Amino acid sequence: MLPYFGKFPEWFDAWKISALNNSSIDFLIYTDSDNIVSQGNLKVIRTSFVNFKAKLQSIFDFTIKCDIPYKLCDYKPCYGKALHDDLKDYDFWGHCDADMIFGNIRKYISDDILDNIEKVFTNGFLTIYRNNEKMNNLFLDDGVYPEFNYKEVYSTNHPCYFDEYSGMGLKCIRKKIKVFENKWFLDLSVSDNSFHHAGKQIICLFDKGRLYEVDENGIKNEVIFVHIQKREMKIFGVLGNKFVITPGRIFAVDCDFDKAWFDINQGRNYKYKYWIKRTVKIIKDKSVIWRIKKYIRVRKQFKFLRTLR
């Protein structure tokens, strides 16, 4: 599922095309936008951010903090409980981000795998849970420092990344939850001028429902999805079932890699501009001290992880 409030990014059509090509998976989109309608396996549930937040509030006995949609990242683990009426007919439910393009998901996450696990992936941009009481209530399990506890996470507007290792990841290890991990996906750094994976500079190709990383020699490796991480992307042309993804642009072209490689860098100063913009935001939000404390805590979390494993 994908809750998204406000204007969708310009390149959201690429997300939509890749989701439609995974016809055996239903994508539930909670949004206040009129620019997207239900289609095939895309199920649009029209609602406001205020009403969506009220659904989350209904499962807690204290007042939660969620002043902006970005904070919903921390609430992802509770969707199975808060949105039970929408999910009751599914064996599994999951959450994903909008800054992604999917390949053939079921090629990598088959029924044989799902029959033997309780959770798919640890990173918050795409996670799938078995739809049962145990997994839908796992986020309520009390953790001890440095693990984040749901009450402290939902009592602050600061992002705690509770859906990742800081919360659910540690809980799954501590509770010995069966988690399926697969490294055949691309999580591309937003602070890099270009796309890199495994030490190579790459671009991405979406081709009729399948997604590939392509290196400078034209060698292709199929992947489950690419996570572009908040990059500002622009679309050139009308997207169909074949397009090329480079840093900053998505080309609706017939795989003209020579042209695509000219666009491999967003500019020599891109990463510096990114860090300047991020630093200004942190100072403006007055969250410097909180982020320092969080950094120390995350370091302790990874040390704690080693003791659990």
Protein backbone atom coordinates (compact mmCIF):
# COMPACT_ATOMS: atom_id res chain seq x y z
CA MET A 1 0.00 0.00 0.00
CA LEU A 2 1.03 3.59 -0.56
CA PRO A 3 -0.42 6.53 1.41
CA TYR A 4 0.49 9.71 -0.50
CA PHE A 5 -0.92 13.15 0.19
CA GLY A 6 -0.33 16.25 -1.90
CA LYS A 7 0.90 16.49 -5.47
CA PHE A 8 2.41 13.33 -6.92
CA PRO A 9 5.94 13.69 -8.34
CA GLU A 10 6.24 14.38 -12.07
CA TRP A 11 7.63 10.93 -12.76
CA PHE A 12 4.96 8.99 -10.81
CA ASP A 13 3.73 7.54 -14.13
CA ALA A 14 6.85 5.35 -14.11
CA TRP A 15 5.87 3.96 -10.68
CA LYS A 16 2.31 3.38 -11.93
CA ILE A 17 3.38 1.57 -15.11
CA SER A 18 5.70 -0.72 -13.16
CA ALA A 19 2.96 -1.47 -10.57
CA LEU A 20 0.40 -2.27 -13.29
CA ASN A 21 2.84 -4.77 -14.78
CA ASN A 22 2.72 -6.71 -11.48
CA SER A 23 -0.91 -7.70 -12.07
CA SER A 24 -0.97 -10.43 -9.39
CA ILE A 25 -0.31 -7.84 -6.66
CA ASP A 26 -2.90 -5.26 -5.56
CA PHE A 27 -1.56 -1.78 -4.83
CA LEU A 28 -3.76 0.26 -2.48
CA ILE A 29 -3.15 4.01 -2.79
CA TYR A 30 -4.54 6.31 -0.09
CA THR A 31 -4.52 9.85 -1.45
CA ASP A 32 -6.27 13.20 -1.61
CA SER A 33 -5.17 13.70 -5.22
CA ASP A 34 -7.68 13.66 -8.10
CA ASN A 35 -4.93 12.93 -10.64
CA ILE A 36 -4.98 9.16 -10.19
CA VAL A 37 -7.89 6.72 -10.49
CA SER A 38 -8.36 3.01 -9.83
CA GLN A 39 -7.08 0.91 -12.70
CA GLY A 40 -6.49 -2.82 -12.88
CA ASN A 41 -4.59 -3.84 -9.76
CA LEU A 42 -4.28 -0.21 -8.59
CA LYS A 43 -6.97 0.50 -6.00
CA VAL A 44 -7.32 4.20 -5.16
CA ILE A 45 -8.90 5.03 -1.79
CA ARG A 46 -9.71 8.74 -1.74
CA THR A 47 -9.16 10.28 1.68
CA SER A 48 -7.55 13.27 3.36
CA PHE A 49 -4.38 13.24 5.43
CA VAL A 50 -6.46 14.25 8.47
CA ASN A 51 -8.84 11.30 8.01
CA PHE A 52 -6.00 8.87 7.38
CA LYS A 53 -4.27 10.06 10.53
CA ALA A 54 -7.56 9.54 12.43
CA LYS A 55 -7.54 5.86 11.38
CA LEU A 56 -4.07 5.51 12.85
CA GLN A 57 -5.07 7.35 16.02
CA SER A 58 -8.01 4.95 16.54
CA ILE A 59 -5.74 2.06 17.59
CA PHE A 60 -3.83 4.01 20.26
CA ASP A 61 -4.86 5.13 23.75
CA PHE A 62 -2.60 8.21 23.67
CA THR A 63 -2.39 11.19 21.32
CA ILE A 64 -0.03 10.45 18.44
CA LYS A 65 2.19 12.99 16.69
CA CYS A 66 2.02 13.12 12.90
CA ASP A 67 1.92 16.72 11.70
CA ILE A 68 3.24 16.10 8.19
CA PRO A 69 2.81 13.20 5.72
CA TYR A 70 6.54 12.36 5.80
CA LYS A 71 6.14 11.20 9.40
CA LEU A 72 3.91 8.37 8.09
CA CYS A 73 7.13 6.44 7.43
CA ASP A 74 7.19 5.60 11.14
CA TYR A 75 3.57 4.44 11.09
CA LYS A 76 4.01 1.88 8.29
CA PRO A 77 4.35 -1.09 10.71
CA CYS A 78 0.91 -0.38 12.22
CA TYR A 79 -1.00 -0.34 8.91
CA GLY A 80 -1.94 -4.01 9.24
CA LYS A 81 -3.81 -3.22 12.46
CA ALA A 82 -5.12 0.28 11.65
CA LEU A 83 -6.31 -0.59 8.12
CA HIS A 84 -7.53 -4.10 8.89
CA ASP A 85 -10.90 -3.61 7.17
CA ASP A 86 -9.15 -2.88 3.84
CA LEU A 87 -6.69 -5.77 4.22
CA LYS A 88 -8.77 -8.57 5.75
CA ASP A 89 -9.05 -10.54 2.49
CA TYR A 90 -5.28 -10.70 1.88
CA ASP A 91 -2.79 -13.30 3.12
CA PHE A 92 -0.02 -10.67 3.08
CA TRP A 93 0.10 -6.90 3.14
CA GLY A 94 2.97 -4.51 2.62
CA HIS A 95 4.04 -0.91 2.23
CA CYS A 96 6.18 0.79 -0.38
CA ASP A 97 7.44 4.27 -1.28
CA ALA A 98 6.60 6.44 -4.28
CA ASP A 99 10.25 6.92 -5.28
CA MET A 100 10.53 3.40 -6.70
CA ILE A 101 10.17 1.53 -9.97
CA PHE A 102 9.33 -2.17 -9.80
CA GLY A 103 10.50 -5.06 -11.90
CA ASN A 104 8.95 -8.55 -11.83
CA ILE A 105 8.32 -8.83 -8.08
CA ARG A 106 6.80 -12.32 -8.10
CA LYS A 107 9.79 -13.76 -9.93
CA TYR A 108 11.79 -13.19 -6.74
CA ILE A 109 9.06 -13.48 -4.11
CA SER A 110 7.31 -16.72 -5.07
CA ASP A 111 4.58 -18.68 -3.28
CA ASP A 112 7.23 -21.17 -2.09
CA ILE A 113 9.06 -18.34 -0.32
CA LEU A 114 5.90 -16.80 1.13
CA ASP A 115 4.79 -20.18 2.50
CA ASN A 116 7.84 -20.29 4.77
CA ILE A 117 8.38 -16.73 5.99
CA GLU A 118 6.59 -14.06 8.01
CA LYS A 119 8.18 -10.93 6.59
CA VAL A 120 9.85 -9.85 3.34
CA PHE A 121 12.70 -7.32 3.49
CA THR A 122 13.89 -5.11 6.32
CA ASN A 123 14.28 -1.77 4.56
CA GLY A 124 11.23 0.44 4.88
CA PHE A 125 10.86 1.41 1.22
CA LEU A 126 9.39 -2.05 0.48
CA THR A 127 8.32 -4.44 3.22
CA ILE A 128 5.73 -7.23 3.23
CA TYR A 129 4.14 -8.82 6.33
CA ARG A 130 2.08 -11.97 6.80
CA ASN A 131 -1.44 -10.78 7.55
CA ASN A 132 -2.03 -12.31 10.96
CA GLU A 133 -2.40 -11.11 14.54
CA LYS A 134 1.21 -11.87 15.43
CA MET A 135 2.74 -9.74 12.67
CA ASN A 136 0.10 -7.00 12.73
CA ASN A 137 0.80 -6.42 16.43
CA LEU A 138 4.57 -6.87 16.33
CA PHE A 139 5.15 -3.11 16.36
CA LEU A 140 3.57 -3.01 19.86
CA ASP A 141 6.28 -5.26 21.28
CA ASP A 142 8.20 -3.28 23.90
CA GLY A 143 11.86 -2.86 23.13
CA VAL A 144 14.62 -1.55 25.36
CA TYR A 145 17.19 1.11 24.52
CA PRO A 146 18.75 1.42 21.96
CA GLU A 147 15.76 -0.18 20.20
CA PHE A 148 12.97 2.31 19.51
CA ASN A 149 9.71 1.77 21.35
CA TYR A 150 6.45 2.59 19.55
CA LYS A 151 5.27 4.97 22.29
CA GLU A 152 8.33 7.21 22.02
CA VAL A 153 8.25 7.03 18.19
CA TYR A 154 4.59 8.03 18.00
CA SER A 155 5.00 10.80 20.58
CA THR A 156 7.38 12.86 18.43
CA ASN A 157 7.19 14.41 14.98
CA HIS A 158 10.85 13.61 14.33
CA PRO A 159 11.40 10.71 11.86
CA CYS A 160 12.73 7.68 13.75
CA TYR A 161 12.77 5.16 10.87
CA PHE A 162 10.81 2.77 13.05
CA ASP A 163 9.91 0.72 9.95
CA GLU A 164 13.58 -0.19 9.43
CA TYR A 165 16.34 -1.58 11.67
CA SER A 166 15.79 1.01 14.40
CA GLY A 167 12.47 -0.59 15.27
CA MET A 168 11.01 -3.49 13.32
CA GLY A 169 14.36 -4.89 12.21
CA LEU A 170 15.57 -5.29 15.80
CA LYS A 171 12.21 -6.71 16.91
CA CYS A 172 12.29 -9.35 14.16
CA ILE A 173 15.79 -10.46 15.13
CA ARG A 174 14.99 -10.48 18.85
CA LYS A 175 11.71 -12.39 18.30
CA LYS A 176 13.30 -14.73 15.73
CA ILE A 177 10.83 -13.77 13.00
CA LYS A 178 11.44 -15.54 9.67
CA VAL A 179 12.49 -12.77 7.28
CA PHE A 180 13.27 -13.16 3.58
CA GLU A 181 16.13 -10.96 2.39
CA ASN A 182 17.31 -10.66 -1.22
CA LYS A 183 20.01 -8.28 -2.44
CA TRP A 184 18.79 -8.17 -6.05
CA PHE A 185 17.49 -4.65 -5.79
CA LEU A 186 18.98 -1.18 -6.23
CA ASP A 187 18.96 1.34 -3.39
CA LEU A 188 20.64 4.26 -5.16
CA SER A 189 22.18 7.00 -3.05
CA VAL A 190 20.54 10.39 -3.44
CA SER A 191 23.82 12.11 -2.55
CA ASP A 192 25.75 10.71 -5.54
CA ASN A 193 26.13 12.44 -8.91
CA SER A 194 25.43 9.19 -10.74
CA PHE A 195 23.97 5.71 -10.19
CA HIS A 196 26.44 3.17 -8.79
CA HIS A 197 26.04 -0.48 -7.82
CA ALA A 198 28.69 -3.02 -6.89
CA GLY A 199 31.43 -0.58 -7.81
CA LYS A 200 30.07 0.06 -11.31
CA GLN A 201 28.41 3.06 -12.86
CA ILE A 202 24.98 2.04 -14.17
CA ILE A 203 21.72 3.18 -15.68
CA CYS A 204 18.40 1.31 -15.43
CA LEU A 205 16.14 -0.16 -18.08
CA PHE A 206 12.46 -0.98 -17.64
CA ASP A 207 11.37 -3.37 -20.39
CA LYS A 208 7.85 -4.81 -20.49
CA GLY A 209 7.56 -5.45 -16.75
CA ARG A 210 11.16 -6.42 -16.16
CA LEU A 211 13.82 -4.14 -14.68
CA TYR A 212 17.55 -4.24 -15.34
CA GLU A 213 20.70 -2.50 -14.24
CA VAL A 214 22.93 -1.86 -17.26
CA ASP A 215 26.65 -1.08 -17.02
CA GLU A 216 28.83 0.84 -19.48
CA ASN A 217 29.55 -2.36 -21.40
CA GLY A 218 25.87 -3.02 -21.95
CA ILE A 219 25.81 -5.97 -19.53
CA LYS A 220 22.33 -6.35 -17.99
CA ASN A 221 21.38 -7.81 -14.61
CA GLU A 222 17.72 -8.18 -13.70
CA VAL A 223 16.59 -6.68 -10.36
CA ILE A 224 13.37 -6.58 -8.32
CA PHE A 225 13.13 -2.81 -8.02
CA VAL A 226 15.09 0.42 -7.97
CA HIS A 227 14.75 2.90 -5.10
CA ILE A 228 15.68 6.36 -6.37
CA GLN A 229 15.56 8.06 -2.96
CA LYS A 230 13.87 11.44 -3.31
CA ARG A 231 15.77 12.50 -6.45
CA GLU A 232 14.10 15.14 -8.54
CA MET A 233 13.32 13.25 -11.73
CA LYS A 234 11.93 14.59 -14.99
CA ILE A 235 10.19 12.60 -17.72
CA PHE A 236 11.14 13.09 -21.37
CA GLY A 237 8.50 11.81 -23.78
CA VAL A 238 5.35 9.76 -23.15
CA LEU A 239 6.14 6.68 -21.10
CA GLY A 240 5.16 3.26 -22.36
CA ASN A 241 6.30 -0.21 -21.38
CA LYS A 242 9.94 0.53 -22.17
CA PHE A 243 12.01 3.37 -20.73
CA VAL A 244 15.49 4.24 -19.52
CA ILE A 245 16.21 5.67 -16.06
CA THR A 246 19.23 7.90 -15.47
CA PRO A 247 20.04 10.25 -12.55
CA GLY A 248 17.49 13.03 -12.84
CA ARG A 249 15.71 11.82 -15.98
CA ILE A 250 13.48 9.06 -17.33
CA PHE A 251 13.65 8.71 -21.11
CA ALA A 252 10.71 7.31 -23.05
CA VAL A 253 13.05 6.01 -25.72
CA ASP A 254 13.70 2.68 -27.37
CA CYS A 255 16.81 1.84 -25.35
CA ASP A 256 19.19 4.30 -27.05
CA PHE A 257 21.94 3.69 -24.49
CA ASP A 258 24.45 5.91 -26.28
CA LYS A 259 22.22 8.92 -25.62
CA ALA A 260 21.36 7.73 -22.13
CA TRP A 261 25.01 7.52 -21.09
CA PHE A 262 25.46 11.19 -21.94
CA ASP A 263 23.00 11.89 -19.12
CA ILE A 264 24.63 9.67 -16.51
CA ASN A 265 25.73 12.55 -14.27
CA GLN A 266 23.42 15.15 -12.83
CA GLY A 267 26.33 17.54 -12.66
CA ARG A 268 29.67 17.67 -10.91
CA ASN A 269 28.27 19.67 -7.98
CA TYR A 270 25.05 17.71 -7.46
CA LYS A 271 26.11 15.96 -4.24
CA TYR A 272 27.39 19.19 -2.71
CA LYS A 273 24.12 20.94 -3.48
CA TYR A 274 22.29 18.01 -1.88
CA TRP A 275 24.24 18.20 1.37
CA ILE A 276 23.94 21.99 1.56
CA LYS A 277 20.16 21.73 1.07
CA ARG A 278 19.92 18.97 3.69
CA THR A 279 22.03 20.90 6.23
CA VAL A 280 19.92 24.04 5.80
CA LYS A 281 16.76 21.98 6.38
CA ILE A 282 18.16 20.45 9.59
CA ILE A 283 19.12 23.87 10.95
CA LYS A 284 15.77 25.37 9.92
CA ASP A 285 13.89 22.51 11.60
CA LYS A 286 15.99 23.03 14.76
CA SER A 287 16.69 19.30 14.85
CA VAL A 288 20.51 19.35 15.08
CA ILE A 289 20.72 18.11 18.69
CA TRP A 290 18.02 15.49 18.14
CA ARG A 291 19.82 14.15 15.06
CA ILE A 292 23.13 13.93 16.93
CA LYS A 293 21.43 11.93 19.68
CA LYS A 294 19.81 9.73 17.05
CA TYR A 295 23.15 9.11 15.32
CA ILE A 296 24.65 7.95 18.62
CA ARG A 297 21.65 5.72 19.21
CA VAL A 298 21.82 4.16 15.73
CA ARG A 299 25.51 3.35 16.30
CA LYS A 300 24.50 1.56 19.50
CA GLN A 301 21.71 -0.23 17.62
CA PHE A 302 24.15 -1.80 15.17
CA LYS A 303 26.39 -2.83 18.08
CA PHE A 304 23.30 -4.32 19.73
CA LEU A 305 22.50 -6.15 16.48
CA ARG A 306 25.79 -8.01 16.63
CA THR A 307 24.95 -9.33 20.10
CA LEU A 308 21.57 -10.63 18.88
CA ARG A 309 23.01 -12.44 15.88
